[in-house]
Amino acid sequence: MSVSVSFQDLVLARLKAAPAVTAIVDDRIVDGNDDGLDFPNITFGASDFTPGDADCIRGREETLQIDCWTREGGKKWPCRKLVDAVKGALHDAEAELGSGALVLMRVGLVRVFSDPDNVTTHGVVQVTGVIEE
């Protein structure tokens, strides 16, 4: 299995297992297209990694964007509460990967803004895993 896929699977599993997250979005957490999903929901956005080899150990820093979508209550609720719940589920989490070894998982950015439709609020949470391949 790819290290990238393993990390994304881990993030998805942690979000689905976090009561603070599922209390807001229920089971509307998808790794794919959000067409037809009710609001609020969570989808996966862009991802990237940079090699981070050190002392003969192959490694990488893998970053995933988690997109949080709401349409009620403006930017204050529930989008800010949702991004806080996502951060709580992922930041400094310790877990096993199916491929590779997770050294550290950190949330490095949380952002909330209005989408151009002026109806949808979009929250972005970027989580980075330091991984030994």
N, C-alpha and C. Protein backbone atom coordinates (compact mmCIF):
# COMPACT_ATOMS: atom_id res chain seq x y z
N MET A 1 0.85 -1.19 0.00
CA MET A 1 0.00 0.00 0.00
C MET A 1 0.89 1.24 0.00
N SER A 2 0.45 2.26 -0.67
CA SER A 2 1.14 3.54 -0.71
C SER A 2 1.13 4.20 0.67
N VAL A 3 2.24 4.84 1.02
CA VAL A 3 2.30 5.59 2.28
C VAL A 3 1.27 6.72 2.27
N SER A 4 1.10 7.36 1.12
CA SER A 4 0.12 8.45 1.01
C SER A 4 -1.29 7.95 1.26
N VAL A 5 -1.63 6.81 0.66
CA VAL A 5 -2.97 6.23 0.86
C VAL A 5 -3.15 5.81 2.31
N SER A 6 -2.12 5.24 2.89
CA SER A 6 -2.18 4.81 4.29
C SER A 6 -2.44 6.00 5.22
N PHE A 7 -1.76 7.11 4.97
CA PHE A 7 -1.96 8.31 5.79
C PHE A 7 -3.38 8.86 5.62
N GLN A 8 -3.86 8.91 4.38
CA GLN A 8 -5.21 9.41 4.15
C GLN A 8 -6.25 8.50 4.80
N ASP A 9 -6.05 7.19 4.73
CA ASP A 9 -6.95 6.24 5.39
C ASP A 9 -6.99 6.48 6.90
N LEU A 10 -5.82 6.75 7.47
CA LEU A 10 -5.73 7.01 8.90
C LEU A 10 -6.52 8.28 9.26
N VAL A 11 -6.32 9.34 8.50
CA VAL A 11 -7.03 10.59 8.77
C VAL A 11 -8.54 10.38 8.66
N LEU A 12 -8.98 9.70 7.62
CA LEU A 12 -10.40 9.42 7.43
C LEU A 12 -10.96 8.62 8.61
N ALA A 13 -10.24 7.60 9.04
CA ALA A 13 -10.69 6.77 10.16
C ALA A 13 -10.78 7.57 11.45
N ARG A 14 -9.80 8.44 11.70
CA ARG A 14 -9.83 9.26 12.92
C ARG A 14 -11.00 10.23 12.91
N LEU A 15 -11.29 10.82 11.75
CA LEU A 15 -12.42 11.74 11.67
C LEU A 15 -13.73 11.01 11.91
N LYS A 16 -13.88 9.83 11.31
CA LYS A 16 -15.12 9.06 11.47
C LYS A 16 -15.30 8.53 12.89
N ALA A 17 -14.20 8.42 13.64
CA ALA A 17 -14.26 7.90 15.01
C ALA A 17 -14.34 9.01 16.06
N ALA A 18 -14.29 10.27 15.64
CA ALA A 18 -14.28 11.39 16.58
C ALA A 18 -15.71 11.86 16.88
N PRO A 19 -16.20 11.66 18.10
CA PRO A 19 -17.57 12.07 18.43
C PRO A 19 -17.85 13.55 18.20
N ALA A 20 -16.87 14.42 18.45
CA ALA A 20 -17.08 15.86 18.25
C ALA A 20 -17.29 16.19 16.78
N VAL A 21 -16.66 15.41 15.89
CA VAL A 21 -16.83 15.61 14.45
C VAL A 21 -18.16 15.05 13.99
N THR A 22 -18.43 13.79 14.35
CA THR A 22 -19.65 13.14 13.86
C THR A 22 -20.92 13.75 14.47
N ALA A 23 -20.80 14.41 15.62
CA ALA A 23 -21.96 15.10 16.18
C ALA A 23 -22.42 16.24 15.26
N ILE A 24 -21.50 16.77 14.46
CA ILE A 24 -21.84 17.87 13.56
C ILE A 24 -22.18 17.36 12.17
N VAL A 25 -21.37 16.43 11.63
CA VAL A 25 -21.56 16.00 10.24
C VAL A 25 -22.20 14.63 10.09
N ASP A 26 -22.43 13.93 11.21
CA ASP A 26 -22.96 12.57 11.17
C ASP A 26 -22.00 11.70 10.37
N ASP A 27 -22.44 11.05 9.31
CA ASP A 27 -21.55 10.19 8.52
C ASP A 27 -21.17 10.85 7.19
N ARG A 28 -21.34 12.16 7.08
CA ARG A 28 -21.05 12.87 5.83
C ARG A 28 -19.59 13.29 5.78
N ILE A 29 -18.70 12.29 5.79
CA ILE A 29 -17.26 12.46 5.64
C ILE A 29 -16.86 11.58 4.48
N VAL A 30 -16.42 12.19 3.39
CA VAL A 30 -16.13 11.39 2.20
C VAL A 30 -14.75 11.67 1.65
N ASP A 31 -14.18 10.63 1.14
CA ASP A 31 -12.91 10.70 0.43
C ASP A 31 -13.26 10.66 -1.05
N GLY A 32 -13.73 11.78 -1.55
CA GLY A 32 -14.16 11.81 -2.94
C GLY A 32 -15.06 13.01 -3.18
N ASN A 33 -15.85 12.91 -4.20
CA ASN A 33 -16.73 13.99 -4.62
C ASN A 33 -17.86 14.19 -3.63
N ASP A 34 -18.21 15.46 -3.38
CA ASP A 34 -19.27 15.76 -2.42
C ASP A 34 -20.62 16.00 -3.08
N ASP A 35 -20.75 15.70 -4.37
CA ASP A 35 -22.03 15.91 -5.06
C ASP A 35 -23.15 15.18 -4.34
N GLY A 36 -24.19 15.92 -4.02
CA GLY A 36 -25.36 15.32 -3.41
C GLY A 36 -25.31 15.18 -1.91
N LEU A 37 -24.19 15.53 -1.27
CA LEU A 37 -24.11 15.44 0.19
C LEU A 37 -24.90 16.58 0.82
N ASP A 38 -25.61 16.26 1.89
CA ASP A 38 -26.25 17.30 2.68
C ASP A 38 -25.18 18.06 3.46
N PHE A 39 -25.52 19.24 3.92
CA PHE A 39 -24.62 20.04 4.73
C PHE A 39 -25.00 19.89 6.18
N PRO A 40 -24.03 20.02 7.09
CA PRO A 40 -22.59 20.16 6.89
C PRO A 40 -21.95 18.83 6.49
N ASN A 41 -20.76 18.93 5.87
CA ASN A 41 -20.02 17.73 5.49
C ASN A 41 -18.53 18.01 5.44
N ILE A 42 -17.76 16.95 5.29
CA ILE A 42 -16.30 17.02 5.18
C ILE A 42 -15.87 16.25 3.95
N THR A 43 -14.97 16.84 3.17
CA THR A 43 -14.37 16.17 2.02
C THR A 43 -12.86 16.35 2.08
N PHE A 44 -12.15 15.53 1.32
CA PHE A 44 -10.70 15.67 1.21
C PHE A 44 -10.37 16.57 0.04
N GLY A 45 -9.44 17.49 0.24
CA GLY A 45 -8.97 18.39 -0.80
C GLY A 45 -7.59 18.00 -1.28
N ALA A 46 -6.80 19.01 -1.58
CA ALA A 46 -5.46 18.80 -2.13
C ALA A 46 -4.55 18.08 -1.14
N SER A 47 -3.54 17.42 -1.69
CA SER A 47 -2.52 16.78 -0.86
C SER A 47 -1.17 16.91 -1.55
N ASP A 48 -0.13 16.86 -0.74
CA ASP A 48 1.23 16.88 -1.28
C ASP A 48 2.17 16.28 -0.25
N PHE A 49 3.39 15.97 -0.69
CA PHE A 49 4.41 15.57 0.26
C PHE A 49 5.77 16.04 -0.21
N THR A 50 6.64 16.19 0.78
CA THR A 50 8.03 16.51 0.48
C THR A 50 8.89 15.43 1.11
N PRO A 51 9.88 14.93 0.35
CA PRO A 51 10.79 13.95 0.93
C PRO A 51 11.52 14.55 2.11
N GLY A 52 11.75 13.73 3.10
CA GLY A 52 12.44 14.20 4.31
C GLY A 52 13.37 13.14 4.85
N ASP A 53 14.28 12.65 4.01
CA ASP A 53 15.21 11.61 4.45
C ASP A 53 16.20 12.19 5.45
N ALA A 54 16.55 11.37 6.45
CA ALA A 54 17.52 11.77 7.47
C ALA A 54 18.20 10.54 8.04
N ASP A 55 19.51 10.62 8.19
CA ASP A 55 20.29 9.53 8.81
C ASP A 55 19.93 8.17 8.24
N CYS A 56 19.94 8.06 6.93
CA CYS A 56 19.69 6.80 6.22
C CYS A 56 18.27 6.27 6.41
N ILE A 57 17.35 7.11 6.84
CA ILE A 57 15.95 6.71 7.00
C ILE A 57 15.14 7.47 5.97
N ARG A 58 14.43 6.73 5.13
CA ARG A 58 13.57 7.38 4.13
C ARG A 58 12.33 7.91 4.84
N GLY A 59 12.02 9.15 4.56
CA GLY A 59 10.86 9.75 5.20
C GLY A 59 10.21 10.79 4.31
N ARG A 60 9.11 11.30 4.80
CA ARG A 60 8.37 12.34 4.09
C ARG A 60 7.50 13.11 5.06
N GLU A 61 7.15 14.32 4.63
CA GLU A 61 6.11 15.10 5.30
C GLU A 61 4.94 15.16 4.34
N GLU A 62 3.88 14.50 4.71
CA GLU A 62 2.68 14.38 3.89
C GLU A 62 1.62 15.34 4.42
N THR A 63 1.09 16.20 3.56
CA THR A 63 0.07 17.16 3.98
C THR A 63 -1.24 16.90 3.24
N LEU A 64 -2.32 16.87 4.01
CA LEU A 64 -3.67 16.70 3.47
C LEU A 64 -4.50 17.92 3.82
N GLN A 65 -5.34 18.32 2.88
CA GLN A 65 -6.30 19.37 3.15
C GLN A 65 -7.65 18.73 3.42
N ILE A 66 -8.22 19.08 4.56
CA ILE A 66 -9.55 18.61 4.93
C ILE A 66 -10.49 19.80 4.74
N ASP A 67 -11.51 19.63 3.89
CA ASP A 67 -12.46 20.71 3.61
C ASP A 67 -13.74 20.48 4.39
N CYS A 68 -14.13 21.49 5.14
CA CYS A 68 -15.34 21.45 5.96
C CYS A 68 -16.35 22.42 5.35
N TRP A 69 -17.56 21.95 5.13
CA TRP A 69 -18.58 22.72 4.41
C TRP A 69 -19.83 22.86 5.26
N THR A 70 -20.29 24.10 5.43
CA THR A 70 -21.54 24.35 6.16
C THR A 70 -22.36 25.39 5.40
N ARG A 71 -23.65 25.42 5.72
CA ARG A 71 -24.52 26.42 5.09
C ARG A 71 -25.45 27.10 6.07
N GLU A 72 -25.30 26.83 7.33
CA GLU A 72 -26.18 27.45 8.31
C GLU A 72 -25.37 28.19 9.35
N GLY A 73 -25.90 29.29 9.84
CA GLY A 73 -25.30 29.98 10.96
C GLY A 73 -24.10 30.84 10.64
N GLY A 74 -23.83 31.11 9.38
CA GLY A 74 -22.70 31.96 9.04
C GLY A 74 -21.37 31.30 9.35
N LYS A 75 -20.34 32.11 9.53
CA LYS A 75 -19.00 31.57 9.78
C LYS A 75 -18.79 31.13 11.22
N LYS A 76 -19.60 31.64 12.13
CA LYS A 76 -19.39 31.33 13.54
C LYS A 76 -19.84 29.92 13.89
N TRP A 77 -20.97 29.54 13.42
CA TRP A 77 -21.51 28.22 13.74
C TRP A 77 -22.16 27.67 12.50
N PRO A 78 -22.01 26.46 12.12
CA PRO A 78 -21.19 25.45 12.79
C PRO A 78 -19.78 25.30 12.21
N CYS A 79 -19.39 26.09 11.24
CA CYS A 79 -18.10 25.85 10.57
C CYS A 79 -16.91 25.99 11.52
N ARG A 80 -16.89 27.02 12.34
CA ARG A 80 -15.76 27.17 13.27
C ARG A 80 -15.73 26.02 14.27
N LYS A 81 -16.89 25.61 14.72
CA LYS A 81 -16.94 24.47 15.64
C LYS A 81 -16.47 23.20 14.93
N LEU A 82 -16.83 23.04 13.66
CA LEU A 82 -16.43 21.86 12.90
C LEU A 82 -14.91 21.83 12.69
N VAL A 83 -14.30 22.95 12.30
CA VAL A 83 -12.84 22.92 12.10
C VAL A 83 -12.12 22.69 13.42
N ASP A 84 -12.66 23.21 14.52
CA ASP A 84 -12.06 22.93 15.83
C ASP A 84 -12.15 21.45 16.18
N ALA A 85 -13.28 20.82 15.85
CA ALA A 85 -13.44 19.39 16.11
C ALA A 85 -12.48 18.56 15.26
N VAL A 86 -12.30 18.95 14.00
CA VAL A 86 -11.36 18.25 13.11
C VAL A 86 -9.94 18.39 13.66
N LYS A 87 -9.57 19.61 14.05
CA LYS A 87 -8.24 19.82 14.63
C LYS A 87 -8.06 18.93 15.86
N GLY A 88 -9.06 18.89 16.72
CA GLY A 88 -8.98 18.07 17.93
C GLY A 88 -8.81 16.59 17.64
N ALA A 89 -9.39 16.12 16.55
CA ALA A 89 -9.29 14.70 16.19
C ALA A 89 -7.93 14.33 15.61
N LEU A 90 -7.22 15.32 15.06
CA LEU A 90 -6.00 15.02 14.31
C LEU A 90 -4.70 15.55 14.93
N HIS A 91 -4.74 16.69 15.58
CA HIS A 91 -3.52 17.33 16.06
C HIS A 91 -2.84 16.52 17.16
N ASP A 92 -1.58 16.21 16.98
CA ASP A 92 -0.77 15.43 17.93
C ASP A 92 -1.31 14.02 18.15
N ALA A 93 -2.08 13.50 17.20
CA ALA A 93 -2.61 12.14 17.34
C ALA A 93 -1.49 11.12 17.19
N GLU A 94 -1.60 10.06 17.94
CA GLU A 94 -0.69 8.93 17.82
C GLU A 94 -1.48 7.76 17.26
N ALA A 95 -0.96 7.17 16.19
CA ALA A 95 -1.70 6.09 15.55
C ALA A 95 -0.75 5.27 14.69
N GLU A 96 -1.22 4.09 14.31
CA GLU A 96 -0.46 3.19 13.45
C GLU A 96 -0.90 3.37 12.01
N LEU A 97 0.06 3.35 11.10
CA LEU A 97 -0.23 3.38 9.67
C LEU A 97 -0.19 1.97 9.11
N GLY A 98 -0.95 1.72 8.06
CA GLY A 98 -0.89 0.43 7.38
C GLY A 98 0.41 0.25 6.62
N SER A 99 1.02 1.36 6.20
CA SER A 99 2.29 1.35 5.48
C SER A 99 3.11 2.53 5.99
N GLY A 100 4.32 2.27 6.44
CA GLY A 100 5.15 3.31 7.02
C GLY A 100 4.87 3.46 8.50
N ALA A 101 5.57 4.40 9.13
CA ALA A 101 5.40 4.65 10.56
C ALA A 101 5.18 6.13 10.79
N LEU A 102 4.10 6.45 11.47
CA LEU A 102 3.78 7.83 11.77
C LEU A 102 4.65 8.30 12.93
N VAL A 103 5.45 9.33 12.68
CA VAL A 103 6.31 9.91 13.71
C VAL A 103 5.56 11.02 14.44
N LEU A 104 4.83 11.82 13.67
CA LEU A 104 4.16 12.99 14.24
C LEU A 104 3.03 13.41 13.31
N MET A 105 1.90 13.81 13.89
CA MET A 105 0.80 14.37 13.10
C MET A 105 0.45 15.73 13.72
N ARG A 106 0.46 16.76 12.87
CA ARG A 106 0.20 18.12 13.35
C ARG A 106 -0.75 18.85 12.41
N VAL A 107 -1.62 19.66 12.98
CA VAL A 107 -2.44 20.57 12.19
C VAL A 107 -1.66 21.88 12.11
N GLY A 108 -1.35 22.30 10.89
CA GLY A 108 -0.54 23.49 10.70
C GLY A 108 -1.30 24.71 10.24
N LEU A 109 -2.56 24.52 9.81
CA LEU A 109 -3.35 25.66 9.33
C LEU A 109 -4.83 25.34 9.49
N VAL A 110 -5.57 26.32 9.98
CA VAL A 110 -7.03 26.25 10.02
C VAL A 110 -7.54 27.58 9.51
N ARG A 111 -8.46 27.51 8.55
CA ARG A 111 -8.96 28.73 7.91
C ARG A 111 -10.45 28.58 7.66
N VAL A 112 -11.22 29.65 7.86
CA VAL A 112 -12.66 29.66 7.60
C VAL A 112 -12.97 30.89 6.76
N PHE A 113 -13.73 30.68 5.67
CA PHE A 113 -14.06 31.80 4.79
C PHE A 113 -15.36 31.51 4.05
N SER A 114 -15.95 32.57 3.49
CA SER A 114 -17.18 32.43 2.71
C SER A 114 -16.85 32.00 1.30
N ASP A 115 -17.65 31.08 0.76
CA ASP A 115 -17.50 30.71 -0.64
C ASP A 115 -18.14 31.80 -1.51
N PRO A 116 -17.78 31.84 -2.79
CA PRO A 116 -18.33 32.86 -3.69
C PRO A 116 -19.85 32.87 -3.79
N ASP A 117 -20.52 31.74 -3.45
CA ASP A 117 -21.98 31.72 -3.56
C ASP A 117 -22.66 32.51 -2.44
N ASN A 118 -21.88 32.98 -1.45
CA ASN A 118 -22.40 33.73 -0.30
C ASN A 118 -23.44 32.96 0.51
N VAL A 119 -23.47 31.66 0.34
CA VAL A 119 -24.36 30.80 1.10
C VAL A 119 -23.54 29.78 1.90
N THR A 120 -22.48 29.31 1.31
CA THR A 120 -21.66 28.23 1.88
C THR A 120 -20.46 28.81 2.61
N THR A 121 -20.20 28.28 3.81
CA THR A 121 -18.98 28.61 4.53
C THR A 121 -18.03 27.42 4.39
N HIS A 122 -16.78 27.73 4.10
CA HIS A 122 -15.76 26.72 3.80
C HIS A 122 -14.67 26.80 4.86
N GLY A 123 -14.43 25.71 5.53
CA GLY A 123 -13.32 25.62 6.47
C GLY A 123 -12.25 24.72 5.90
N VAL A 124 -11.00 25.11 6.06
CA VAL A 124 -9.87 24.32 5.58
C VAL A 124 -8.99 23.98 6.78
N VAL A 125 -8.68 22.70 6.91
CA VAL A 125 -7.75 22.24 7.94
C VAL A 125 -6.64 21.48 7.22
N GLN A 126 -5.39 21.93 7.40
CA GLN A 126 -4.26 21.22 6.80
C GLN A 126 -3.56 20.42 7.88
N VAL A 127 -3.47 19.12 7.66
CA VAL A 127 -2.81 18.24 8.60
C VAL A 127 -1.58 17.63 7.92
N THR A 128 -0.48 17.61 8.64
CA THR A 128 0.77 17.09 8.12
C THR A 128 1.23 15.92 8.98
N GLY A 129 1.59 14.85 8.31
CA GLY A 129 2.17 13.70 8.99
C GLY A 129 3.64 13.57 8.64
N VAL A 130 4.48 13.45 9.65
CA VAL A 130 5.88 13.12 9.45
C VAL A 130 5.94 11.61 9.49
N ILE A 131 6.39 11.01 8.39
CA ILE A 131 6.26 9.55 8.22
C ILE A 131 7.60 8.94 7.83
N GLU A 132 7.96 7.86 8.51
CA GLU A 132 9.11 7.04 8.08
C GLU A 132 8.56 6.02 7.10
N GLU A 133 9.17 6.01 5.91
CA GLU A 133 8.71 5.07 4.89
C GLU A 133 9.26 3.70 5.17
